[in-house]
């Protein structure tokens, strides 16, 4: 699962050189604008065929938070 998530992050950010672990912080390791963060969420929703509610977005501080949410909620 983490490899699929890493692929989505790479596609959205246009970077192949990501330091990508479950402890990677979204706010410090990625320079997301509001728009690029929305693009990331939309790409994750498409990849995993899931809708991510706004309430979950506020809890996404690390890659691990994203992984846990997707493992719990995606098929």
PDB file of N, CA and C in Angstrom:
ATOM      1  N   UNK A   1       0.821  -1.201   0.000  1.00  0.00           N
ATOM      2  CA  UNK A   1       0.000   0.000   0.000  1.00  0.00           C
ATOM      3  C   UNK A   1       0.859   1.258   0.000  1.00  0.00           C
ATOM      4  N   UNK A   2       1.918   1.271   0.793  1.00  0.00           N
ATOM      5  CA  UNK A   2       2.730   2.490   0.874  1.00  0.00           C
ATOM      6  C   UNK A   2       3.380   2.822  -0.467  1.00  0.00           C
ATOM      7  N   UNK A   3       3.702   1.809  -1.268  1.00  0.00           N
ATOM      8  CA  UNK A   3       4.285   2.049  -2.593  1.00  0.00           C
ATOM      9  C   UNK A   3       3.268   2.717  -3.515  1.00  0.00           C
ATOM     10  N   UNK A   4       2.009   2.308  -3.420  1.00  0.00           N
ATOM     11  CA  UNK A   4       0.963   2.951  -4.225  1.00  0.00           C
ATOM     12  C   UNK A   4       0.791   4.405  -3.812  1.00  0.00           C
ATOM     13  N   UNK A   5       0.833   4.653  -2.508  1.00  0.00           N
ATOM     14  CA  UNK A   5       0.701   6.017  -2.003  1.00  0.00           C
ATOM     15  C   UNK A   5       1.900   6.852  -2.437  1.00  0.00           C
ATOM     16  N   UNK A   6       3.082   6.284  -2.354  1.00  0.00           N
ATOM     17  CA  UNK A   6       4.297   6.985  -2.775  1.00  0.00           C
ATOM     18  C   UNK A   6       4.207   7.366  -4.256  1.00  0.00           C
ATOM     19  N   UNK A   7       3.687   6.467  -5.064  1.00  0.00           N
ATOM     20  CA  UNK A   7       3.527   6.738  -6.502  1.00  0.00           C
ATOM     21  C   UNK A   7       2.603   7.932  -6.720  1.00  0.00           C
ATOM     22  N   UNK A   8       1.510   7.994  -5.990  1.00  0.00           N
ATOM     23  CA  UNK A   8       0.571   9.109  -6.116  1.00  0.00           C
ATOM     24  C   UNK A   8       1.242  10.409  -5.691  1.00  0.00           C
ATOM     25  N   UNK A   9       1.949  10.394  -4.564  1.00  0.00           N
ATOM     26  CA  UNK A   9       2.661  11.586  -4.095  1.00  0.00           C
ATOM     27  C   UNK A   9       3.667  12.055  -5.151  1.00  0.00           C
ATOM     28  N   UNK A  10       4.400  11.123  -5.743  1.00  0.00           N
ATOM     29  CA  UNK A  10       5.399  11.462  -6.762  1.00  0.00           C
ATOM     30  C   UNK A  10       4.750  12.093  -7.979  1.00  0.00           C
ATOM     31  N   UNK A  11       3.626  11.525  -8.397  1.00  0.00           N
ATOM     32  CA  UNK A  11       2.923  12.064  -9.564  1.00  0.00           C
ATOM     33  C   UNK A  11       2.403  13.473  -9.303  1.00  0.00           C
ATOM     34  N   UNK A  12       1.844  13.699  -8.126  1.00  0.00           N
ATOM     35  CA  UNK A  12       1.272  15.009  -7.802  1.00  0.00           C
ATOM     36  C   UNK A  12       2.363  16.062  -7.605  1.00  0.00           C
ATOM     37  N   UNK A  13       3.447  15.679  -6.940  1.00  0.00           N
ATOM     38  CA  UNK A  13       4.508  16.651  -6.667  1.00  0.00           C
ATOM     39  C   UNK A  13       5.484  16.789  -7.818  1.00  0.00           C
ATOM     40  N   UNK A  14       5.492  15.802  -8.716  1.00  0.00           N
ATOM     41  CA  UNK A  14       6.437  15.819  -9.819  1.00  0.00           C
ATOM     42  C   UNK A  14       7.859  15.518  -9.374  1.00  0.00           C
ATOM     43  N   UNK A  15       7.990  14.891  -8.204  1.00  0.00           N
ATOM     44  CA  UNK A  15       9.309  14.578  -7.649  1.00  0.00           C
ATOM     45  C   UNK A  15       9.484  13.077  -7.511  1.00  0.00           C
ATOM     46  N   UNK A  16      10.622  12.613  -7.936  1.00  0.00           N
ATOM     47  CA  UNK A  16      10.964  11.192  -7.796  1.00  0.00           C
ATOM     48  C   UNK A  16      11.877  10.963  -6.594  1.00  0.00           C
ATOM     49  N   UNK A  17      12.414  12.037  -6.030  1.00  0.00           N
ATOM     50  CA  UNK A  17      13.421  11.958  -4.973  1.00  0.00           C
ATOM     51  C   UNK A  17      12.827  12.114  -3.574  1.00  0.00           C
ATOM     52  N   UNK A  18      11.626  11.635  -3.384  1.00  0.00           N
ATOM     53  CA  UNK A  18      10.947  11.832  -2.114  1.00  0.00           C
ATOM     54  C   UNK A  18      11.562  10.986  -1.006  1.00  0.00           C
ATOM     55  N   UNK A  19      11.686  11.595   0.173  1.00  0.00           N
ATOM     56  CA  UNK A  19      12.012  10.824   1.373  1.00  0.00           C
ATOM     57  C   UNK A  19      10.663  10.370   1.902  1.00  0.00           C
ATOM     58  N   UNK A  20      10.384   9.093   1.756  1.00  0.00           N
ATOM     59  CA  UNK A  20       9.027   8.628   1.963  1.00  0.00           C
ATOM     60  C   UNK A  20       8.989   7.476   2.947  1.00  0.00           C
ATOM     61  N   UNK A  21       8.638   7.773   4.193  1.00  0.00           N
ATOM     62  CA  UNK A  21       8.406   6.763   5.210  1.00  0.00           C
ATOM     63  C   UNK A  21       7.105   7.118   5.920  1.00  0.00           C
ATOM     64  N   UNK A  22       6.638   6.260   6.771  1.00  0.00           N
ATOM     65  CA  UNK A  22       5.403   6.547   7.495  1.00  0.00           C
ATOM     66  C   UNK A  22       5.565   7.730   8.444  1.00  0.00           C
ATOM     67  N   UNK A  23       6.785   8.060   8.810  1.00  0.00           N
ATOM     68  CA  UNK A  23       7.025   9.192   9.714  1.00  0.00           C
ATOM     69  C   UNK A  23       7.235  10.508   8.971  1.00  0.00           C
ATOM     70  N   UNK A  24       7.272  10.467   7.643  1.00  0.00           N
ATOM     71  CA  UNK A  24       7.465  11.677   6.853  1.00  0.00           C
ATOM     72  C   UNK A  24       6.303  12.633   7.096  1.00  0.00           C
ATOM     73  N   UNK A  25       6.643  13.844   7.506  1.00  0.00           N
ATOM     74  CA  UNK A  25       5.622  14.854   7.797  1.00  0.00           C
ATOM     75  C   UNK A  25       5.159  15.531   6.511  1.00  0.00           C
ATOM     76  N   UNK A  26       3.862  15.669   6.386  1.00  0.00           N
ATOM     77  CA  UNK A  26       3.296  16.281   5.189  1.00  0.00           C
ATOM     78  C   UNK A  26       3.630  17.767   5.116  1.00  0.00           C
ATOM     79  N   UNK A  27       3.652  18.435   6.257  1.00  0.00           N
ATOM     80  CA  UNK A  27       3.874  19.881   6.252  1.00  0.00           C
ATOM     81  C   UNK A  27       5.337  20.269   6.082  1.00  0.00           C
ATOM     82  N   UNK A  28       6.257  19.439   6.500  1.00  0.00           N
ATOM     83  CA  UNK A  28       7.677  19.802   6.438  1.00  0.00           C
ATOM     84  C   UNK A  28       8.403  19.227   5.228  1.00  0.00           C
ATOM     85  N   UNK A  29       7.990  18.059   4.759  1.00  0.00           N
ATOM     86  CA  UNK A  29       8.696  17.398   3.672  1.00  0.00           C
ATOM     87  C   UNK A  29       8.123  17.689   2.287  1.00  0.00           C
ATOM     88  N   UNK A  30       6.917  18.187   2.252  1.00  0.00           N
ATOM     89  CA  UNK A  30       6.272  18.504   0.986  1.00  0.00           C
ATOM     90  C   UNK A  30       5.838  19.959   1.038  1.00  0.00           C
ATOM     91  N   UNK A  31       6.021  20.647  -0.043  1.00  0.00           N
ATOM     92  CA  UNK A  31       5.634  22.051  -0.090  1.00  0.00           C
ATOM     93  C   UNK A  31       4.268  22.174  -0.750  1.00  0.00           C
ATOM     94  N   UNK A  32       3.247  21.672  -0.054  1.00  0.00           N
ATOM     95  CA  UNK A  32       1.902  21.695  -0.602  1.00  0.00           C
ATOM     96  C   UNK A  32       1.293  23.079  -0.479  1.00  0.00           C
ATOM     97  N   UNK A  33       0.702  23.531  -1.564  1.00  0.00           N
ATOM     98  CA  UNK A  33      -0.190  24.678  -1.512  1.00  0.00           C
ATOM     99  C   UNK A  33      -1.575  24.105  -1.262  1.00  0.00           C
ATOM    100  N   UNK A  34      -2.531  24.952  -1.045  1.00  0.00           N
ATOM    101  CA  UNK A  34      -3.903  24.460  -0.869  1.00  0.00           C
ATOM    102  C   UNK A  34      -4.347  23.669  -2.088  1.00  0.00           C
ATOM    103  N   UNK A  35      -4.020  24.193  -3.260  1.00  0.00           N
ATOM    104  CA  UNK A  35      -4.415  23.525  -4.502  1.00  0.00           C
ATOM    105  C   UNK A  35      -3.710  22.180  -4.678  1.00  0.00           C
ATOM    106  N   UNK A  36      -2.399  22.140  -4.426  1.00  0.00           N
ATOM    107  CA  UNK A  36      -1.682  20.874  -4.618  1.00  0.00           C
ATOM    108  C   UNK A  36      -2.113  19.826  -3.594  1.00  0.00           C
ATOM    109  N   UNK A  37      -2.499  20.258  -2.393  1.00  0.00           N
ATOM    110  CA  UNK A  37      -2.993  19.308  -1.395  1.00  0.00           C
ATOM    111  C   UNK A  37      -4.329  18.722  -1.866  1.00  0.00           C
ATOM    112  N   UNK A  38      -5.184  19.563  -2.421  1.00  0.00           N
ATOM    113  CA  UNK A  38      -6.462  19.083  -2.954  1.00  0.00           C
ATOM    114  C   UNK A  38      -6.211  18.113  -4.117  1.00  0.00           C
ATOM    115  N   UNK A  39      -5.235  18.434  -4.969  1.00  0.00           N
ATOM    116  CA  UNK A  39      -4.886  17.533  -6.072  1.00  0.00           C
ATOM    117  C   UNK A  39      -4.413  16.186  -5.537  1.00  0.00           C
ATOM    118  N   UNK A  40      -3.625  16.216  -4.464  1.00  0.00           N
ATOM    119  CA  UNK A  40      -3.153  14.975  -3.849  1.00  0.00           C
ATOM    120  C   UNK A  40      -4.332  14.146  -3.345  1.00  0.00           C
ATOM    121  N   UNK A  41      -5.239  14.778  -2.632  1.00  0.00           N
ATOM    122  CA  UNK A  41      -6.385  14.055  -2.072  1.00  0.00           C
ATOM    123  C   UNK A  41      -7.239  13.468  -3.194  1.00  0.00           C
ATOM    124  N   UNK A  42      -7.467  14.243  -4.250  1.00  0.00           N
ATOM    125  CA  UNK A  42      -8.247  13.742  -5.387  1.00  0.00           C
ATOM    126  C   UNK A  42      -7.547  12.554  -6.048  1.00  0.00           C
ATOM    127  N   UNK A  43      -6.234  12.634  -6.173  1.00  0.00           N
ATOM    128  CA  UNK A  43      -5.471  11.536  -6.772  1.00  0.00           C
ATOM    129  C   UNK A  43      -5.533  10.288  -5.894  1.00  0.00           C
ATOM    130  N   UNK A  44      -5.456  10.471  -4.580  1.00  0.00           N
ATOM    131  CA  UNK A  44      -5.574   9.328  -3.664  1.00  0.00           C
ATOM    132  C   UNK A  44      -6.973   8.725  -3.752  1.00  0.00           C
ATOM    133  N   UNK A  45      -7.990   9.575  -3.818  1.00  0.00           N
ATOM    134  CA  UNK A  45      -9.362   9.076  -3.943  1.00  0.00           C
ATOM    135  C   UNK A  45      -9.523   8.261  -5.228  1.00  0.00           C
ATOM    136  N   UNK A  46      -8.953   8.747  -6.305  1.00  0.00           N
ATOM    137  CA  UNK A  46      -9.039   8.015  -7.577  1.00  0.00           C
ATOM    138  C   UNK A  46      -8.284   6.686  -7.509  1.00  0.00           C
ATOM    139  N   UNK A  47      -7.064   6.728  -6.969  1.00  0.00           N
ATOM    140  CA  UNK A  47      -6.224   5.522  -6.897  1.00  0.00           C
ATOM    141  C   UNK A  47      -6.872   4.429  -6.053  1.00  0.00           C
ATOM    142  N   UNK A  48      -7.503   4.826  -4.945  1.00  0.00           N
ATOM    143  CA  UNK A  48      -8.036   3.843  -4.004  1.00  0.00           C
ATOM    144  C   UNK A  48      -9.562   3.728  -4.063  1.00  0.00           C
ATOM    145  N   UNK A  49     -10.189   4.441  -5.023  1.00  0.00           N
ATOM    146  CA  UNK A  49     -11.639   4.388  -5.208  1.00  0.00           C
ATOM    147  C   UNK A  49     -12.368   4.590  -3.881  1.00  0.00           C
ATOM    148  N   UNK A  50     -12.083   5.732  -3.268  1.00  0.00           N
ATOM    149  CA  UNK A  50     -12.614   6.051  -1.954  1.00  0.00           C
ATOM    150  C   UNK A  50     -12.867   7.546  -1.887  1.00  0.00           C
ATOM    151  N   UNK A  51     -13.776   7.958  -1.025  1.00  0.00           N
ATOM    152  CA  UNK A  51     -13.973   9.389  -0.759  1.00  0.00           C
ATOM    153  C   UNK A  51     -13.372   9.673   0.612  1.00  0.00           C
ATOM    154  N   UNK A  52     -12.496  10.657   0.661  1.00  0.00           N
ATOM    155  CA  UNK A  52     -11.849  11.027   1.921  1.00  0.00           C
ATOM    156  C   UNK A  52     -12.571  12.246   2.476  1.00  0.00           C
ATOM    157  N   UNK A  53     -13.243  12.100   3.623  1.00  0.00           N
ATOM    158  CA  UNK A  53     -14.001  13.229   4.177  1.00  0.00           C
ATOM    159  C   UNK A  53     -13.081  14.327   4.718  1.00  0.00           C
ATOM    160  N   UNK A  54     -13.594  15.543   4.720  1.00  0.00           N
ATOM    161  CA  UNK A  54     -12.822  16.677   5.236  1.00  0.00           C
ATOM    162  C   UNK A  54     -12.360  16.458   6.672  1.00  0.00           C
ATOM    163  N   UNK A  55     -13.159  15.778   7.460  1.00  0.00           N
ATOM    164  CA  UNK A  55     -12.787  15.533   8.857  1.00  0.00           C
ATOM    165  C   UNK A  55     -11.515  14.695   8.957  1.00  0.00           C
ATOM    166  N   UNK A  56     -11.292  13.814   8.003  1.00  0.00           N
ATOM    167  CA  UNK A  56     -10.083  12.987   8.003  1.00  0.00           C
ATOM    168  C   UNK A  56      -8.862  13.804   7.587  1.00  0.00           C
ATOM    169  N   UNK A  57      -9.057  14.761   6.688  1.00  0.00           N
ATOM    170  CA  UNK A  57      -7.932  15.553   6.178  1.00  0.00           C
ATOM    171  C   UNK A  57      -7.206  16.290   7.292  1.00  0.00           C
ATOM    172  N   UNK A  58      -7.953  16.767   8.265  1.00  0.00           N
ATOM    173  CA  UNK A  58      -7.360  17.516   9.380  1.00  0.00           C
ATOM    174  C   UNK A  58      -6.430  16.644  10.224  1.00  0.00           C
ATOM    175  N   UNK A  59      -6.607  15.333  10.148  1.00  0.00           N
ATOM    176  CA  UNK A  59      -5.799  14.404  10.933  1.00  0.00           C
ATOM    177  C   UNK A  59      -4.550  13.936  10.193  1.00  0.00           C
ATOM    178  N   UNK A  60      -4.419  14.285   8.915  1.00  0.00           N
ATOM    179  CA  UNK A  60      -3.274  13.850   8.118  1.00  0.00           C
ATOM    180  C   UNK A  60      -2.068  14.741   8.408  1.00  0.00           C
ATOM    181  N   UNK A  61      -1.225  14.297   9.314  1.00  0.00           N
ATOM    182  CA  UNK A  61       0.000  15.035   9.653  1.00  0.00           C
ATOM    183  C   UNK A  61       1.238  14.357   9.059  1.00  0.00           C
ATOM    184  N   UNK A  62       1.173  13.025   8.945  1.00  0.00           N
ATOM    185  CA  UNK A  62       2.299  12.253   8.413  1.00  0.00           C
ATOM    186  C   UNK A  62       1.799  11.312   7.316  1.00  0.00           C
ATOM    187  N   UNK A  63       2.736  10.768   6.579  1.00  0.00           N
ATOM    188  CA  UNK A  63       2.393   9.748   5.580  1.00  0.00           C
ATOM    189  C   UNK A  63       1.718   8.567   6.280  1.00  0.00           C
ATOM    190  N   UNK A  64       2.185   8.239   7.475  1.00  0.00           N
ATOM    191  CA  UNK A  64       1.590   7.143   8.241  1.00  0.00           C
ATOM    192  C   UNK A  64       0.112   7.353   8.524  1.00  0.00           C
ATOM    193  N   UNK A  65      -0.282   8.606   8.772  1.00  0.00           N
ATOM    194  CA  UNK A  65      -1.702   8.909   8.994  1.00  0.00           C
ATOM    195  C   UNK A  65      -2.516   8.588   7.745  1.00  0.00           C
ATOM    196  N   UNK A  66      -1.964   8.916   6.578  1.00  0.00           N
ATOM    197  CA  UNK A  66      -2.633   8.635   5.312  1.00  0.00           C
ATOM    198  C   UNK A  66      -2.721   7.119   5.115  1.00  0.00           C
ATOM    199  N   UNK A  67      -1.617   6.434   5.353  1.00  0.00           N
ATOM    200  CA  UNK A  67      -1.577   4.972   5.203  1.00  0.00           C
ATOM    201  C   UNK A  67      -2.620   4.317   6.103  1.00  0.00           C
ATOM    202  N   UNK A  68      -2.663   4.702   7.368  1.00  0.00           N
ATOM    203  CA  UNK A  68      -3.620   4.102   8.309  1.00  0.00           C
ATOM    204  C   UNK A  68      -5.050   4.325   7.871  1.00  0.00           C
ATOM    205  N   UNK A  69      -5.344   5.539   7.425  1.00  0.00           N
ATOM    206  CA  UNK A  69      -6.710   5.831   6.974  1.00  0.00           C
ATOM    207  C   UNK A  69      -7.069   4.952   5.779  1.00  0.00           C
ATOM    208  N   UNK A  70      -6.161   4.882   4.799  1.00  0.00           N
ATOM    209  CA  UNK A  70      -6.460   4.109   3.591  1.00  0.00           C
ATOM    210  C   UNK A  70      -6.547   2.619   3.893  1.00  0.00           C
ATOM    211  N   UNK A  71      -5.682   2.108   4.761  1.00  0.00           N
ATOM    212  CA  UNK A  71      -5.749   0.684   5.117  1.00  0.00           C
ATOM    213  C   UNK A  71      -7.078   0.348   5.778  1.00  0.00           C
ATOM    214  N   UNK A  72      -7.577   1.271   6.573  1.00  0.00           N
ATOM    215  CA  UNK A  72      -8.815   1.035   7.298  1.00  0.00           C
ATOM    216  C   UNK A  72     -10.047   1.204   6.410  1.00  0.00           C
ATOM    217  N   UNK A  73      -9.985   2.118   5.439  1.00  0.00           N
ATOM    218  CA  UNK A  73     -11.192   2.504   4.707  1.00  0.00           C
ATOM    219  C   UNK A  73     -11.238   2.108   3.235  1.00  0.00           C
ATOM    220  N   UNK A  74     -10.106   1.786   2.652  1.00  0.00           N
ATOM    221  CA  UNK A  74     -10.093   1.422   1.228  1.00  0.00           C
ATOM    222  C   UNK A  74     -10.176  -0.092   1.064  1.00  0.00           C
ATOM    223  N   UNK A  75     -10.717  -0.508  -0.053  1.00  0.00           N
ATOM    224  CA  UNK A  75     -10.789  -1.955  -0.339  1.00  0.00           C
ATOM    225  C   UNK A  75      -9.459  -2.485  -0.786  1.00  0.00           C
TER     226      UNK A  75
END
